[in-house]
Amino acid sequence: MALFDSHSHIDVDVFDADRDAVMARARGAGVVGQLVPAISAAGWPHLRDVCTAFPGELHAAYGMHPMYLDDHRPEHLDQLREWLQDPGCVAVGEIGLDYFVETLDRERQQFYFDTQLRLAREFDLPVVVHARRAVDAVIASVKKVGGLRGIVHSFAGSAEQAEQLWKMGFLLGIGGPVTYERAQRLRGLVATMPLEQLVLETDSPDQPDAGWRGQRNEPERLTAILAAIAELRSESPEAIATATTANAMRLLRLSP
C-alpha cells in the first residue's frame, strides 16, 4: 500500500539529528513520497539539499509562508522566480493567508500571496495554500488570478467552500485534525467529499493525530490519518491510499 504525504516539513531543524531514521520509518509505513513546502527564502537552500538527498521520495515546493511575514522581503520574490526553475521544484508553497494571527498585516500578506499565485500561473506549477480563517479570501484571490491548481493544506472550511475549490481545480489536504472526535464539521465533510479531491498530509512536525498528541509528528503517522478517513467513509484503507496517492502525483505531475 503506497501513501503520499502531501505536506511534510521534514527539512526543518527538529529532524536534523535523525532524518534518516524518520525517513526509514516512513518507508516502513508505506509512505513512498512527500511534498516538502518551504517557509521562507532563508530555508530554500537547505530544503533543496534535503530533497536532493532523498531523490524520488522528497519533492520540493518553494514559497513564502504568511505566518513568517517579518522574514519576507520584496526582493525574495525575484529570487523565487529563479528557484521555481530548479529541476527539483514541483510546486509553489507554502503560500497563503492567515487571519487567525491578528498581528499579521493583511495587506502585506495579500501582496505576497497574489504575487506568488501569479508566479505559479506563469510557471504552470500547483500551489500549496495555507488558509487559516481565510478560506473565502483565498478563494477570491485564486479566482482573481485564474488558471491555477493546487492543494488547500489542512482544510477547515465548509462543504460549500470545498465545492468551490473543487470546481477551481483544488484538492483538500486532510491530516491529524480529522482524527479528533471534536472536529465534527471536518469529519462530516471528509465522509462525503469526492475522493478525487482528497489528499493525505501530516504537516510534520506539527498537527499530530489524536493517538500521537503532544509528540513530534512524523510522516509515518499518515497511516493513522488513513485509518480514520477509511472508517469515516466506510471504505477500505487500500482504496483510499490508492486514490489519494494518485491524486497527489497527478497534481504534481510525478511519475508513478
Protein backbone atom coordinates (compact mmCIF):
# COMPACT_ATOMS: atom_id res chain seq x y z
CA MET A 1 0.00 0.00 0.00
CA ALA A 2 1.62 3.24 -1.21
CA LEU A 3 0.93 6.53 0.60
CA PHE A 4 1.86 10.10 -0.34
CA ASP A 5 2.31 12.78 2.33
CA SER A 6 1.21 15.97 0.58
CA HIS A 7 2.53 18.28 3.32
CA SER A 8 5.68 17.47 5.29
CA HIS A 9 8.23 19.91 6.70
CA ILE A 10 10.87 17.22 7.06
CA ASP A 11 13.54 19.78 6.15
CA VAL A 12 13.20 21.72 9.43
CA ASP A 13 15.86 21.54 12.13
CA VAL A 14 13.93 19.30 14.55
CA PHE A 15 14.61 16.46 12.10
CA ASP A 16 18.31 17.22 11.54
CA ALA A 17 19.53 14.73 14.16
CA ASP A 18 17.55 11.71 12.96
CA ARG A 19 16.16 12.44 9.48
CA ASP A 20 17.43 9.15 8.04
CA ALA A 21 15.58 7.22 10.75
CA VAL A 22 12.42 9.27 10.22
CA MET A 23 12.57 8.51 6.51
CA ALA A 24 13.11 4.81 7.21
CA ARG A 25 10.06 4.71 9.46
CA ALA A 26 8.03 6.48 6.78
CA ARG A 27 9.09 3.93 4.17
CA GLY A 28 8.20 1.13 6.57
CA ALA A 29 4.71 2.63 6.86
CA GLY A 30 4.30 2.69 3.08
CA VAL A 31 4.96 6.40 2.54
CA VAL A 32 6.53 6.48 -0.92
CA GLY A 33 6.61 10.26 -1.41
CA GLN A 34 6.42 13.56 0.42
CA LEU A 35 5.82 17.12 -0.75
CA VAL A 36 8.06 19.45 1.26
CA PRO A 37 6.87 23.09 1.23
CA ALA A 38 9.17 25.94 2.18
CA ILE A 39 8.59 28.59 4.84
CA SER A 40 10.89 31.46 3.88
CA ALA A 41 13.71 32.31 1.49
CA ALA A 42 16.37 31.61 4.10
CA GLY A 43 15.37 27.96 4.18
CA TRP A 44 15.30 27.27 0.43
CA PRO A 45 18.92 26.05 0.09
CA HIS A 46 18.60 23.59 2.99
CA LEU A 47 15.25 22.36 1.70
CA ARG A 48 16.81 21.67 -1.68
CA ASP A 49 19.71 19.81 -0.05
CA VAL A 50 17.36 17.62 1.98
CA CYS A 51 15.18 16.78 -1.02
CA THR A 52 18.25 16.05 -3.15
CA ALA A 53 19.42 13.58 -0.51
CA PHE A 54 16.24 11.53 -0.98
CA PRO A 55 15.62 11.52 -4.74
CA GLY A 56 12.24 10.26 -5.83
CA GLU A 57 10.92 10.44 -2.25
CA LEU A 58 11.06 14.13 -1.29
CA HIS A 59 9.71 16.77 -3.66
CA ALA A 60 10.39 20.46 -3.12
CA ALA A 61 7.99 23.39 -3.15
CA TYR A 62 9.42 26.88 -2.80
CA GLY A 63 7.47 29.80 -1.42
CA MET A 64 6.90 32.26 1.43
CA HIS A 65 4.58 31.30 4.30
CA PRO A 66 2.21 34.03 5.52
CA MET A 67 2.97 33.39 9.20
CA TYR A 68 6.63 34.32 8.59
CA LEU A 69 5.76 37.70 7.13
CA ASP A 70 8.50 39.52 9.04
CA ASP A 71 11.13 37.40 7.25
CA HIS A 72 9.92 38.25 3.75
CA ARG A 73 11.30 40.98 1.51
CA PRO A 74 10.13 42.05 -1.96
CA GLU A 75 13.49 41.00 -3.42
CA HIS A 76 12.77 37.44 -2.28
CA LEU A 77 10.05 37.32 -4.92
CA ASP A 78 12.69 37.94 -7.59
CA GLN A 79 14.78 35.15 -6.10
CA LEU A 80 11.74 32.87 -6.01
CA ARG A 81 11.39 33.20 -9.76
CA GLU A 82 14.81 31.56 -10.08
CA TRP A 83 14.10 28.84 -7.51
CA LEU A 84 10.90 27.84 -9.28
CA GLN A 85 13.05 26.89 -12.27
CA ASP A 86 15.07 24.43 -10.19
CA PRO A 87 14.69 20.92 -11.68
CA GLY A 88 13.52 19.51 -8.34
CA CYS A 89 10.74 22.05 -7.84
CA VAL A 90 7.21 20.64 -8.28
CA ALA A 91 5.05 23.34 -6.64
CA VAL A 92 4.87 26.86 -5.17
CA GLY A 93 4.40 26.80 -1.42
CA GLU A 94 3.74 27.19 1.33
CA ILE A 95 1.85 30.36 0.49
CA GLY A 96 -1.48 31.81 1.53
CA LEU A 97 -3.33 33.94 4.05
CA ASP A 98 -3.59 33.69 7.84
CA TYR A 99 -6.34 35.69 9.52
CA PHE A 100 -6.05 33.77 12.80
CA VAL A 101 -2.93 35.66 13.91
CA GLU A 102 -4.27 39.18 14.29
CA THR A 103 -0.84 40.85 14.28
CA LEU A 104 -0.09 39.72 10.72
CA ASP A 105 -0.63 42.61 8.31
CA ARG A 106 -3.34 41.51 5.88
CA GLU A 107 -2.33 43.90 3.12
CA ARG A 108 1.26 42.63 3.10
CA GLN A 109 0.04 39.04 3.22
CA GLN A 110 -2.15 39.72 0.21
CA PHE A 111 0.74 41.26 -1.72
CA TYR A 112 2.98 38.22 -1.25
CA PHE A 113 0.14 35.77 -1.85
CA ASP A 114 -1.08 37.36 -5.06
CA THR A 115 2.43 37.74 -6.44
CA GLN A 116 3.24 34.10 -5.75
CA LEU A 117 -0.05 32.97 -7.31
CA ARG A 118 0.89 34.83 -10.47
CA LEU A 119 4.32 33.16 -10.49
CA ALA A 120 2.65 29.76 -10.14
CA ARG A 121 0.43 30.51 -13.11
CA GLU A 122 3.40 31.74 -15.13
CA PHE A 123 5.41 28.57 -14.47
CA ASP A 124 2.37 26.27 -14.60
CA LEU A 125 3.03 24.93 -11.11
CA PRO A 126 0.47 23.89 -8.49
CA VAL A 127 0.25 25.90 -5.27
CA VAL A 128 0.28 24.67 -1.66
CA VAL A 129 -2.02 27.05 0.19
CA HIS A 130 -2.27 27.93 3.87
CA ALA A 131 -5.78 29.29 4.55
CA ARG A 132 -6.37 29.72 8.27
CA ARG A 133 -9.67 31.50 8.89
CA ALA A 134 -9.21 32.95 5.41
CA VAL A 135 -10.77 30.43 3.02
CA ASP A 136 -13.12 32.95 1.41
CA ALA A 137 -10.25 35.40 0.86
CA VAL A 138 -8.13 32.62 -0.64
CA ILE A 139 -10.96 31.63 -2.99
CA ALA A 140 -11.32 35.27 -4.08
CA SER A 141 -7.58 35.55 -4.80
CA VAL A 142 -7.48 32.30 -6.75
CA LYS A 143 -10.47 33.41 -8.84
CA LYS A 144 -8.87 36.81 -9.46
CA VAL A 145 -5.59 35.37 -10.72
CA GLY A 146 -7.15 32.41 -12.55
CA GLY A 147 -5.54 29.46 -14.29
CA LEU A 148 -4.38 27.82 -11.05
CA ARG A 149 -4.47 24.41 -9.41
CA GLY A 150 -3.23 23.16 -6.09
CA ILE A 151 -3.89 21.95 -2.56
CA VAL A 152 -5.50 23.82 0.30
CA HIS A 153 -3.49 22.43 3.19
CA SER A 154 -5.17 21.48 6.50
CA PHE A 155 -8.57 22.40 5.14
CA ALA A 156 -11.01 23.53 7.82
CA GLY A 157 -13.70 25.25 5.76
CA SER A 158 -17.27 24.42 4.87
CA ALA A 159 -18.70 21.97 2.35
CA GLU A 160 -19.71 24.94 0.18
CA GLN A 161 -16.15 26.30 0.19
CA ALA A 162 -14.80 22.84 -0.57
CA GLU A 163 -17.09 22.59 -3.58
CA GLN A 164 -15.96 25.98 -4.87
CA LEU A 165 -12.33 24.92 -4.57
CA TRP A 166 -13.02 21.61 -6.29
CA LYS A 167 -14.57 23.41 -9.25
CA MET A 168 -11.42 25.57 -9.49
CA GLY A 169 -9.12 22.56 -9.61
CA PHE A 170 -8.06 22.43 -5.95
CA LEU A 171 -7.61 19.39 -3.75
CA LEU A 172 -8.02 19.40 0.03
CA GLY A 173 -5.20 18.31 2.33
CA ILE A 174 -6.54 16.35 5.31
CA GLY A 175 -4.34 15.46 8.26
CA GLY A 176 -4.23 14.99 12.02
CA PRO A 177 -7.27 17.16 12.91
CA VAL A 178 -9.62 14.64 11.25
CA THR A 179 -8.69 12.06 13.90
CA TYR A 180 -10.14 14.17 16.74
CA GLU A 181 -13.75 13.47 17.69
CA ARG A 182 -14.43 17.16 18.34
CA ALA A 183 -13.71 18.05 14.69
CA GLN A 184 -17.28 17.22 13.70
CA ARG A 185 -17.61 19.55 10.71
CA LEU A 186 -14.35 18.36 9.19
CA ARG A 187 -15.18 14.72 9.81
CA GLY A 188 -18.59 15.15 8.20
CA LEU A 189 -17.01 16.78 5.15
CA VAL A 190 -14.38 14.07 4.77
CA ALA A 191 -17.06 11.38 4.99
CA THR A 192 -18.93 12.74 1.96
CA MET A 193 -16.49 14.74 -0.21
CA PRO A 194 -15.40 13.38 -3.61
CA LEU A 195 -12.50 11.01 -3.11
CA GLU A 196 -10.90 12.61 -6.18
CA GLN A 197 -10.48 15.86 -4.17
CA LEU A 198 -8.74 14.27 -1.19
CA VAL A 199 -5.03 14.12 -0.40
CA LEU A 200 -3.44 13.00 2.85
CA GLU A 201 -0.93 15.01 4.87
CA THR A 202 0.82 15.03 8.23
CA ASP A 203 2.20 18.60 8.39
CA SER A 204 5.15 17.05 10.23
CA PRO A 205 6.43 18.02 12.75
CA ASP A 206 3.14 19.79 13.60
CA GLN A 207 -0.52 18.73 13.91
CA PRO A 208 -0.09 15.22 15.37
CA ASP A 209 -3.07 12.88 15.22
CA ALA A 210 -5.15 12.05 18.29
CA GLY A 211 -3.09 8.95 19.04
CA TRP A 212 0.17 10.92 18.94
CA ARG A 213 -0.85 14.18 20.62
CA GLY A 214 1.92 16.17 22.26
CA GLN A 215 4.67 14.44 20.30
CA ARG A 216 6.71 15.39 17.26
CA ASN A 217 4.69 14.41 14.24
CA GLU A 218 6.27 12.26 11.52
CA PRO A 219 5.27 11.14 8.02
CA GLU A 220 4.84 7.53 9.23
CA ARG A 221 1.74 8.76 11.13
CA LEU A 222 -0.01 9.08 7.77
CA THR A 223 -1.31 5.59 8.47
CA ALA A 224 -3.35 6.88 11.43
CA ILE A 225 -4.94 9.54 9.24
CA LEU A 226 -5.68 6.94 6.57
CA ALA A 227 -7.35 4.67 9.12
CA ALA A 228 -9.56 7.48 10.45
CA ILE A 229 -10.67 8.51 6.96
CA ALA A 230 -11.36 4.91 5.95
CA GLU A 231 -13.60 4.50 8.97
CA LEU A 232 -15.44 7.78 8.33
CA ARG A 233 -16.06 6.87 4.70
CA SER A 234 -16.74 3.15 5.29
CA GLU A 235 -14.19 2.37 2.59
CA SER A 236 -11.08 0.22 2.60
CA PRO A 237 -7.76 1.84 3.55
CA GLU A 238 -6.27 0.33 0.39
CA ALA A 239 -8.80 2.08 -1.86
CA ILE A 240 -8.25 5.43 -0.17
CA ALA A 241 -4.47 5.04 -0.25
CA THR A 242 -4.55 4.23 -3.96
CA ALA A 243 -6.81 7.15 -4.82
CA THR A 244 -5.15 9.81 -2.67
CA THR A 245 -1.65 8.88 -3.80
CA ALA A 246 -2.78 9.04 -7.42
CA ASN A 247 -4.46 12.41 -6.76
CA ALA A 248 -1.27 13.90 -5.35
CA MET A 249 1.02 12.52 -8.02
CA ARG A 250 -1.29 13.62 -10.81
CA LEU A 251 -1.49 17.17 -9.43
CA LEU A 252 2.29 17.37 -9.04
CA ARG A 253 2.88 15.65 -12.39
CA LEU A 254 5.06 12.98 -10.83
CA SER A 255 5.64 9.62 -12.48
CA PRO A 256 4.39 6.54 -10.59
